[in-house]
N, C-alpha and C. Protein backbone atom coordinates (compact mmCIF):
# COMPACT_ATOMS: atom_id res chain seq x y z
N MET A 1 224.91 127.18 229.05
CA MET A 1 225.66 126.13 229.82
C MET A 1 225.47 124.93 228.67
N PRO A 2 226.46 124.26 228.85
CA PRO A 2 226.66 122.92 228.19
C PRO A 2 225.70 122.07 228.28
N TRP A 3 225.21 121.37 227.21
CA TRP A 3 224.04 120.40 227.54
C TRP A 3 224.37 119.48 228.87
N ASN A 4 225.73 119.05 228.61
CA ASN A 4 225.98 117.90 229.73
C ASN A 4 225.84 118.46 231.17
N ASP A 5 225.95 119.80 231.14
CA ASP A 5 225.97 120.25 232.81
C ASP A 5 224.31 120.49 233.07
N LEU A 6 223.59 120.43 232.22
CA LEU A 6 222.02 120.51 232.56
C LEU A 6 221.42 119.36 233.41
N ALA A 7 220.92 119.54 234.32
CA ALA A 7 220.10 118.27 235.13
C ALA A 7 218.94 117.96 234.45
N SER A 8 218.38 116.81 234.48
CA SER A 8 217.26 116.49 233.67
C SER A 8 216.31 117.16 234.03
N ASN A 9 215.77 117.79 234.92
CA ASN A 9 214.93 118.68 235.48
C ASN A 9 215.18 119.94 235.17
N GLN A 10 215.91 120.68 234.17
CA GLN A 10 216.23 121.82 234.05
C GLN A 10 215.59 122.09 232.65
N THR A 11 215.10 123.17 232.56
CA THR A 11 214.52 123.60 231.28
C THR A 11 215.79 123.97 230.19
N VAL A 12 215.46 123.92 229.01
CA VAL A 12 216.27 124.07 227.97
C VAL A 12 216.21 125.40 227.22
N SER A 13 217.34 125.93 227.26
CA SER A 13 217.21 127.11 226.16
C SER A 13 217.96 126.78 224.97
N PHE A 14 217.79 127.65 223.85
CA PHE A 14 218.17 127.55 222.67
C PHE A 14 219.75 127.29 222.54
N THR A 15 220.25 128.03 223.30
CA THR A 15 221.64 127.85 223.52
C THR A 15 222.06 126.31 224.07
N ASN A 16 221.39 125.91 225.14
CA ASN A 16 221.42 124.46 225.58
C ASN A 16 221.46 123.45 224.45
N LEU A 17 220.07 123.83 223.67
CA LEU A 17 219.78 122.89 222.52
C LEU A 17 221.14 122.96 221.30
N LYS A 18 221.46 123.99 221.02
CA LYS A 18 222.65 124.38 219.65
C LYS A 18 223.80 123.54 220.55
N ASN A 19 224.22 123.49 221.86
CA ASN A 19 225.32 123.00 222.33
C ASN A 19 225.13 121.44 222.14
N ALA A 20 223.90 120.88 222.53
CA ALA A 20 223.74 119.58 222.31
C ALA A 20 223.93 119.04 220.63
N VAL A 21 223.49 120.03 219.91
CA VAL A 21 223.40 119.55 218.49
C VAL A 21 225.03 119.75 218.05
N ASP A 22 225.72 120.63 218.39
CA ASP A 22 227.33 120.73 218.13
C ASP A 22 227.76 119.59 218.73
N ASN A 23 227.56 118.90 219.71
CA ASN A 23 228.25 117.79 220.24
C ASN A 23 227.72 116.60 220.05
N GLY A 24 226.81 116.32 219.15
CA GLY A 24 226.37 115.23 218.61
C GLY A 24 225.19 114.56 219.35
N VAL A 25 224.86 115.25 220.25
CA VAL A 25 223.55 114.40 221.05
C VAL A 25 222.52 114.56 220.31
N PHE A 26 222.15 115.55 219.69
CA PHE A 26 221.10 115.58 218.51
C PHE A 26 221.22 115.84 217.14
N LEU A 27 220.44 115.53 216.23
CA LEU A 27 220.65 115.93 215.01
C LEU A 27 219.65 117.06 214.45
N ALA A 28 220.25 118.06 213.98
CA ALA A 28 219.24 119.45 213.71
C ALA A 28 218.62 119.10 212.25
N LYS A 29 217.52 119.47 212.51
CA LYS A 29 216.56 119.55 211.26
C LYS A 29 216.88 121.23 210.65
N GLN A 30 217.22 122.04 211.28
CA GLN A 30 217.59 123.47 210.84
C GLN A 30 218.31 124.05 211.93
N THR A 31 219.11 125.04 211.48
CA THR A 31 220.31 125.80 212.36
C THR A 31 219.56 126.22 213.34
N VAL A 32 219.98 125.77 214.68
CA VAL A 32 219.12 126.22 215.94
C VAL A 32 219.97 127.46 216.46
N PRO A 33 219.13 128.48 216.68
CA PRO A 33 219.83 129.83 217.31
C PRO A 33 220.41 129.81 218.69
N THR A 34 221.38 130.54 218.70
CA THR A 34 221.83 131.05 219.97
C THR A 34 220.97 131.97 220.99
N SER A 35 220.36 131.47 222.03
CA SER A 35 219.72 132.62 222.53
C SER A 35 219.35 131.91 224.22
N ASN A 36 219.09 132.80 225.27
CA ASN A 36 218.94 132.17 226.35
C ASN A 36 217.30 131.97 226.44
N GLU A 37 216.30 132.07 225.69
CA GLU A 37 215.19 131.81 225.70
C GLU A 37 215.01 130.24 225.71
N GLN A 38 213.84 130.11 226.50
CA GLN A 38 213.76 128.80 227.01
C GLN A 38 212.71 127.92 225.51
N VAL A 39 213.06 126.84 225.51
CA VAL A 39 212.49 125.96 224.33
C VAL A 39 211.21 125.52 224.62
N THR A 40 210.31 125.58 223.76
CA THR A 40 208.89 124.86 224.07
C THR A 40 208.91 123.42 223.32
N LYS A 41 207.94 122.66 223.59
CA LYS A 41 207.97 121.61 222.90
C LYS A 41 207.84 121.70 221.29
N SER A 42 207.13 122.76 220.66
CA SER A 42 206.92 122.89 219.44
C SER A 42 208.32 123.25 218.75
N ASP A 43 209.30 124.12 219.66
CA ASP A 43 210.51 124.73 219.22
C ASP A 43 211.38 123.17 218.92
N ALA A 44 211.29 122.29 220.01
CA ALA A 44 212.08 121.32 220.15
C ALA A 44 211.91 120.27 218.95
N ASP A 45 210.74 120.31 218.44
CA ASP A 45 210.28 119.37 217.47
C ASP A 45 210.72 120.03 216.16
N SER A 46 210.53 121.40 216.10
CA SER A 46 211.07 122.38 214.92
C SER A 46 212.56 122.39 214.52
N TYR A 47 213.53 122.17 215.45
CA TYR A 47 214.91 122.30 215.40
C TYR A 47 215.58 120.97 215.37
N VAL A 48 215.57 120.05 215.98
CA VAL A 48 215.84 118.82 216.06
C VAL A 48 215.19 117.66 215.70
N TRP A 49 215.80 116.46 215.50
CA TRP A 49 215.24 115.27 215.23
C TRP A 49 214.94 114.56 216.69
N LEU A 50 213.83 114.31 217.01
CA LEU A 50 213.65 113.67 218.35
C LEU A 50 212.67 112.58 218.14
N ASN A 51 212.67 111.88 219.17
CA ASN A 51 211.58 110.64 219.57
C ASN A 51 210.41 111.44 220.03
N THR A 52 209.40 111.69 219.04
CA THR A 52 208.08 112.41 219.33
C THR A 52 207.25 111.69 220.13
N LEU A 53 207.32 110.23 219.96
CA LEU A 53 206.67 109.22 220.75
C LEU A 53 207.05 109.17 222.30
N TYR A 54 208.12 109.62 222.54
CA TYR A 54 208.60 109.36 223.88
C TYR A 54 207.49 110.11 224.88
N PRO A 55 206.80 109.39 225.89
CA PRO A 55 205.88 109.86 226.85
C PRO A 55 206.14 111.38 227.51
N ALA A 56 207.20 111.23 227.73
CA ALA A 56 207.74 112.50 228.44
C ALA A 56 207.64 113.79 227.53
N PHE A 57 207.79 113.61 226.13
CA PHE A 57 207.71 114.86 225.28
C PHE A 57 206.26 114.76 224.67
N SER A 58 205.60 113.56 224.37
CA SER A 58 204.48 113.67 223.62
C SER A 58 202.90 113.93 224.79
N GLY A 59 203.36 114.02 225.98
CA GLY A 59 202.25 114.31 226.75
C GLY A 59 202.46 115.68 226.89
N LYS A 60 203.18 116.70 226.54
CA LYS A 60 203.46 118.00 226.80
C LYS A 60 202.72 118.53 225.81
N ALA A 61 202.09 119.76 226.11
CA ALA A 61 201.31 120.73 224.99
C ALA A 61 202.28 121.39 224.35
N ASN A 62 202.18 121.83 223.08
CA ASN A 62 203.15 122.49 222.10
C ASN A 62 203.83 123.72 222.43
N ASN A 63 203.03 124.40 223.66
CA ASN A 63 203.43 125.57 224.05
C ASN A 63 204.21 125.67 225.33
N GLN A 64 204.27 124.25 225.74
CA GLN A 64 204.76 124.06 227.35
C GLN A 64 206.35 124.03 227.02
N LEU A 65 207.12 124.43 227.90
CA LEU A 65 208.59 124.57 228.16
C LEU A 65 208.92 123.05 228.29
N VAL A 66 210.23 122.52 227.76
CA VAL A 66 210.37 121.35 227.87
C VAL A 66 211.82 121.43 228.84
N VAL A 67 212.16 120.03 229.70
CA VAL A 67 213.07 120.12 230.58
C VAL A 67 214.05 118.92 229.64
N LYS A 68 215.38 119.04 230.22
CA LYS A 68 216.13 117.93 229.46
C LYS A 68 215.70 116.64 229.39
N GLY A 69 215.21 116.07 230.50
CA GLY A 69 214.52 114.68 230.66
C GLY A 69 213.36 114.46 229.69
N ASN A 70 212.79 115.43 229.12
CA ASN A 70 211.63 115.36 228.09
C ASN A 70 212.25 114.94 226.57
N LEU A 71 213.37 115.19 226.64
CA LEU A 71 214.01 115.10 225.30
C LEU A 71 214.95 113.81 224.95
N GLN A 72 214.44 112.99 223.90
CA GLN A 72 215.24 111.72 223.59
C GLN A 72 215.47 111.55 222.33
N LYS A 73 216.68 110.93 221.69
CA LYS A 73 217.15 110.92 220.42
C LYS A 73 215.98 109.97 219.60
N GLY A 74 215.70 110.19 218.28
CA GLY A 74 214.86 109.64 217.38
C GLY A 74 215.83 108.32 216.69
N CYS A 75 215.06 107.49 216.02
CA CYS A 75 215.84 106.57 215.40
C CYS A 75 215.22 106.47 214.05
N TRP A 76 216.00 106.65 212.87
CA TRP A 76 215.65 106.72 211.54
C TRP A 76 216.17 105.71 210.61
N CYS A 77 215.53 105.36 209.51
CA CYS A 77 216.29 104.61 208.41
C CYS A 77 216.71 105.66 207.41
N TRP A 78 218.16 105.43 207.11
CA TRP A 78 218.81 106.48 206.18
C TRP A 78 219.18 105.44 204.90
N ARG A 79 218.95 106.06 203.67
CA ARG A 79 219.23 105.65 202.56
C ARG A 79 220.62 106.04 202.08
N VAL A 80 221.62 105.13 201.94
CA VAL A 80 223.15 105.62 201.58
C VAL A 80 223.39 105.12 200.19
N GLN A 81 223.27 105.90 199.15
CA GLN A 81 223.51 105.54 197.73
C GLN A 81 224.83 105.83 197.06
N ASN A 82 225.49 104.89 196.32
CA ASN A 82 226.78 105.16 195.83
C ASN A 82 226.58 105.36 194.40
N ASP A 83 226.68 106.61 193.84
CA ASP A 83 226.91 106.86 192.49
C ASP A 83 228.35 106.97 192.08
N ASP A 84 229.42 106.58 192.64
CA ASP A 84 230.58 106.38 191.92
C ASP A 84 230.82 105.05 191.54
N THR A 85 231.87 104.80 190.50
CA THR A 85 232.12 103.34 189.98
C THR A 85 232.61 102.34 190.94
N VAL A 86 233.17 102.88 191.96
CA VAL A 86 233.87 102.01 192.87
C VAL A 86 233.07 101.74 194.23
N THR A 87 233.41 100.52 194.81
CA THR A 87 232.75 100.52 196.11
C THR A 87 233.10 101.48 197.06
N ARG A 88 232.25 101.84 197.86
CA ARG A 88 232.64 102.85 199.08
C ARG A 88 232.35 102.19 200.46
N THR A 89 232.61 102.91 201.36
CA THR A 89 232.51 102.28 202.82
C THR A 89 231.46 103.30 203.46
N VAL A 90 230.55 102.68 204.28
CA VAL A 90 229.80 103.59 204.94
C VAL A 90 229.88 103.39 206.55
N THR A 91 229.96 104.38 207.46
CA THR A 91 230.04 104.03 208.71
C THR A 91 228.79 104.65 209.45
N PHE A 92 228.33 103.77 210.23
CA PHE A 92 226.99 104.25 211.08
C PHE A 92 227.03 103.54 212.38
N THR A 93 226.53 104.22 213.11
CA THR A 93 226.15 103.72 214.65
C THR A 93 224.52 103.20 214.82
N PRO A 94 224.42 101.91 214.98
CA PRO A 94 223.09 101.52 215.17
C PRO A 94 222.56 101.78 216.34
N CYS A 95 221.01 102.30 216.14
CA CYS A 95 220.37 102.83 217.33
C CYS A 95 220.24 102.25 218.58
N ASN A 96 220.55 100.85 218.51
CA ASN A 96 220.67 100.46 220.01
C ASN A 96 222.01 99.99 220.26
N SER A 97 222.92 100.64 219.80
CA SER A 97 224.35 100.49 220.17
C SER A 97 225.18 101.90 220.31
N SER A 98 226.24 101.78 220.84
CA SER A 98 227.10 103.05 220.82
C SER A 98 228.34 102.74 220.06
N THR A 99 228.40 101.26 219.23
CA THR A 99 229.65 101.21 218.82
C THR A 99 229.47 101.17 217.19
N PRO A 100 230.17 102.07 216.47
CA PRO A 100 229.96 102.14 214.74
C PRO A 100 230.26 100.86 214.15
N VAL A 101 229.53 100.90 213.14
CA VAL A 101 229.74 99.75 212.15
C VAL A 101 230.13 100.09 210.89
N THR A 102 230.87 99.65 210.18
CA THR A 102 231.31 100.04 208.70
C THR A 102 231.15 98.77 207.92
N THR A 103 230.50 99.51 206.72
CA THR A 103 230.06 98.22 205.74
C THR A 103 230.28 98.95 204.42
N SER A 104 230.14 97.99 203.26
CA SER A 104 230.33 98.42 201.81
C SER A 104 229.33 98.82 201.21
N VAL A 105 229.25 99.72 200.29
CA VAL A 105 228.21 99.79 199.27
C VAL A 105 228.95 99.89 197.76
N PHE A 106 228.53 98.84 197.00
CA PHE A 106 228.78 98.93 195.77
C PHE A 106 228.58 100.34 194.72
N GLY A 107 229.03 100.34 194.06
CA GLY A 107 229.13 101.33 193.11
C GLY A 107 227.82 101.53 192.14
N ASN A 108 227.85 102.49 191.09
CA ASN A 108 226.92 102.46 190.11
C ASN A 108 225.54 102.66 190.53
N GLY A 109 225.10 103.70 191.59
CA GLY A 109 223.87 103.57 192.06
C GLY A 109 223.07 102.59 193.12
N ASP A 110 224.05 101.82 193.31
CA ASP A 110 223.70 100.57 194.44
C ASP A 110 223.39 101.61 195.95
N PHE A 111 222.51 100.93 196.72
CA PHE A 111 222.39 101.55 197.76
C PHE A 111 222.04 100.68 199.12
N ILE A 112 222.18 101.17 200.31
CA ILE A 112 221.89 100.23 201.47
C ILE A 112 220.87 101.20 202.36
N ARG A 113 220.09 100.62 203.34
CA ARG A 113 219.42 101.39 204.19
C ARG A 113 219.74 100.73 205.70
N VAL A 114 220.08 101.76 206.50
CA VAL A 114 220.50 101.64 207.77
C VAL A 114 219.79 102.46 208.93
N CYS A 115 219.65 101.63 209.94
CA CYS A 115 219.08 102.61 210.95
C CYS A 115 219.83 103.02 212.11
N SER A 116 220.01 104.25 212.20
CA SER A 116 220.74 105.20 212.95
C SER A 116 220.29 106.51 213.54
N ASN A 117 220.47 107.02 214.59
CA ASN A 117 220.21 108.21 215.12
C ASN A 117 221.05 109.48 215.02
N VAL A 118 222.03 109.30 214.06
CA VAL A 118 223.02 110.21 213.40
C VAL A 118 223.04 109.76 211.96
N ILE A 119 223.63 110.97 211.27
CA ILE A 119 223.73 110.86 209.73
C ILE A 119 224.88 109.86 209.83
N PRO A 120 224.78 108.82 208.85
CA PRO A 120 226.24 107.86 208.49
C PRO A 120 227.32 108.89 207.97
N THR A 121 228.38 108.42 207.97
CA THR A 121 229.57 108.88 207.37
C THR A 121 229.85 108.04 205.96
N ILE A 122 230.60 108.57 205.10
CA ILE A 122 230.85 108.01 203.93
C ILE A 122 232.26 108.21 203.54
N ASP A 123 233.06 107.68 202.98
CA ASP A 123 234.46 107.85 202.34
C ASP A 123 234.67 108.65 201.33
N THR A 124 233.47 109.28 200.75
CA THR A 124 233.74 110.00 199.33
C THR A 124 232.45 111.16 199.34
N PHE A 125 232.63 112.10 198.45
CA PHE A 125 231.55 113.00 198.36
C PHE A 125 230.55 112.59 197.10
N PHE A 126 231.08 111.43 196.60
CA PHE A 126 230.34 110.86 195.52
C PHE A 126 229.24 110.22 195.90
N THR A 127 229.00 109.91 197.05
CA THR A 127 227.75 109.11 197.82
C THR A 127 226.68 110.27 198.35
N GLN A 128 225.67 109.83 198.11
CA GLN A 128 224.52 110.76 198.85
C GLN A 128 223.97 109.94 199.88
N ILE A 129 223.48 110.59 200.88
CA ILE A 129 222.59 110.17 202.16
C ILE A 129 221.34 110.91 202.18
N ASP A 130 220.34 110.16 202.29
CA ASP A 130 218.80 110.68 202.40
C ASP A 130 218.21 109.96 203.51
N ILE A 131 217.34 110.77 204.12
CA ILE A 131 216.58 109.94 205.15
C ILE A 131 215.33 109.14 204.10
N CYS A 132 215.09 107.90 204.71
CA CYS A 132 214.46 107.16 203.88
C CYS A 132 212.73 107.95 203.91
N GLY A 133 212.08 107.54 202.95
CA GLY A 133 210.81 108.38 202.79
C GLY A 133 210.51 109.43 202.04
N ALA A 134 209.57 110.16 202.13
CA ALA A 134 209.50 111.46 201.36
C ALA A 134 210.53 112.48 201.56
N SER A 135 210.74 113.33 200.38
CA SER A 135 211.74 114.29 200.58
C SER A 135 211.50 115.07 202.01
N GLY A 136 212.71 115.17 202.81
CA GLY A 136 212.55 115.73 204.02
C GLY A 136 211.90 115.21 205.33
N THR A 137 211.44 113.86 205.13
CA THR A 137 210.83 113.16 206.16
C THR A 137 211.75 112.03 206.32
N ALA A 138 211.29 111.34 207.64
CA ALA A 138 212.26 110.09 208.02
C ALA A 138 211.09 109.23 208.29
N THR A 139 211.74 107.75 208.09
CA THR A 139 211.06 106.61 208.50
C THR A 139 211.39 106.22 209.82
N ARG A 140 210.63 106.47 210.76
CA ARG A 140 210.86 106.30 212.18
C ARG A 140 210.87 104.98 212.38
N CYS A 141 211.96 104.51 213.24
CA CYS A 141 212.00 102.98 213.75
C CYS A 141 211.17 103.10 215.00
N ASN A 142 209.76 102.60 215.02
CA ASN A 142 209.28 102.49 216.25
C ASN A 142 209.30 100.99 216.79
N SER A 143 209.40 100.30 215.91
CA SER A 143 209.66 98.61 216.26
C SER A 143 210.21 97.99 215.01
N GLU A 144 210.73 96.67 215.28
CA GLU A 144 211.34 96.13 213.97
C GLU A 144 210.69 95.90 212.96
N ASP A 145 209.31 95.96 213.01
CA ASP A 145 208.62 95.88 211.84
C ASP A 145 208.58 96.95 211.07
N ASP A 146 208.54 98.08 211.96
CA ASP A 146 208.32 99.50 211.05
C ASP A 146 209.32 99.87 210.34
N CYS A 147 210.25 99.30 210.28
CA CYS A 147 211.80 99.47 209.46
C CYS A 147 211.86 98.01 208.68
N SER A 148 210.99 97.44 208.39
CA SER A 148 211.30 96.19 207.44
C SER A 148 211.65 96.69 206.14
N GLY A 149 211.66 97.81 205.71
CA GLY A 149 212.14 98.05 204.36
C GLY A 149 213.48 98.59 204.31
N CYS A 150 214.28 98.49 205.42
CA CYS A 150 215.51 98.94 205.39
C CYS A 150 216.42 97.54 205.80
N VAL A 151 217.48 97.39 204.87
CA VAL A 151 218.30 96.30 205.00
C VAL A 151 218.80 96.41 206.52
N ASP A 152 218.79 95.33 207.36
CA ASP A 152 219.28 95.35 208.77
C ASP A 152 218.51 96.20 209.79
N CYS A 153 217.64 96.96 209.13
CA CYS A 153 217.28 98.04 210.13
C CYS A 153 216.41 97.69 211.20
N GLY A 154 215.71 96.56 211.16
CA GLY A 154 214.96 96.01 212.09
C GLY A 154 215.94 95.30 213.28
N ALA A 155 217.12 94.75 212.75
CA ALA A 155 217.99 94.05 213.70
C ALA A 155 218.71 95.09 214.29
N ASN A 156 219.03 96.11 213.86
CA ASN A 156 219.92 97.27 214.60
C ASN A 156 219.06 98.08 215.29
N CYS A 157 217.51 98.14 214.95
CA CYS A 157 216.63 99.03 216.00
C CYS A 157 216.64 98.06 217.16
N GLY A 158 216.59 96.81 217.13
CA GLY A 158 216.29 95.88 218.22
C GLY A 158 214.93 96.14 218.76
N GLY A 159 214.94 95.89 220.09
CA GLY A 159 213.47 95.90 220.76
C GLY A 159 213.47 97.27 221.52
N ASP A 160 214.50 98.05 221.48
CA ASP A 160 214.31 99.40 222.18
C ASP A 160 215.02 100.44 221.37
N PRO A 161 214.49 100.76 220.45
CA PRO A 161 215.29 101.83 219.21
C PRO A 161 215.63 103.20 219.85
N TYR A 162 214.97 103.45 220.92
CA TYR A 162 214.82 104.81 221.54
C TYR A 162 215.84 104.78 222.76
N SER A 163 216.65 103.95 223.00
CA SER A 163 217.23 103.78 224.34
C SER A 163 218.51 105.02 224.17
N ASN A 164 218.69 105.90 225.27
CA ASN A 164 219.61 106.90 225.36
C ASN A 164 221.26 106.20 225.57
N TYR A 165 222.11 106.77 225.01
CA TYR A 165 223.63 106.50 225.17
C TYR A 165 224.42 107.34 225.83
């Protein structure tokens, strides 16, 4: 069943979760399998980037099944580096908006940090995009102060970094 057809109180299968990833609802940490098996809290956190502090999610035990309404997008700082020799553009959607923003990143290793709950897009393969923080981890935007290391990140996260769109 497609993600959009699930009611908020229905349990989520791996196929549902994969459909949500395929349609841009969530960002995958790893490939989500296709299966009618129902997803637990631990499964959801292993396969997709979520707001793990969302009370409907955090209050569950790791082995409990989740329903659609338990899952909410997370918000992360992304480091976007341009290793090319010319200025490139980066497009991202701030966490508190559904309107994409395009900005420039100068070349020769310059970078910017932005807050978004999806991977920013770039106009060339010479640019690299990493989640801020240690390799493979994300800097979560729980409040404006938490993202002070990211240019415009606090402003983009706003007062409600986890609002659903």
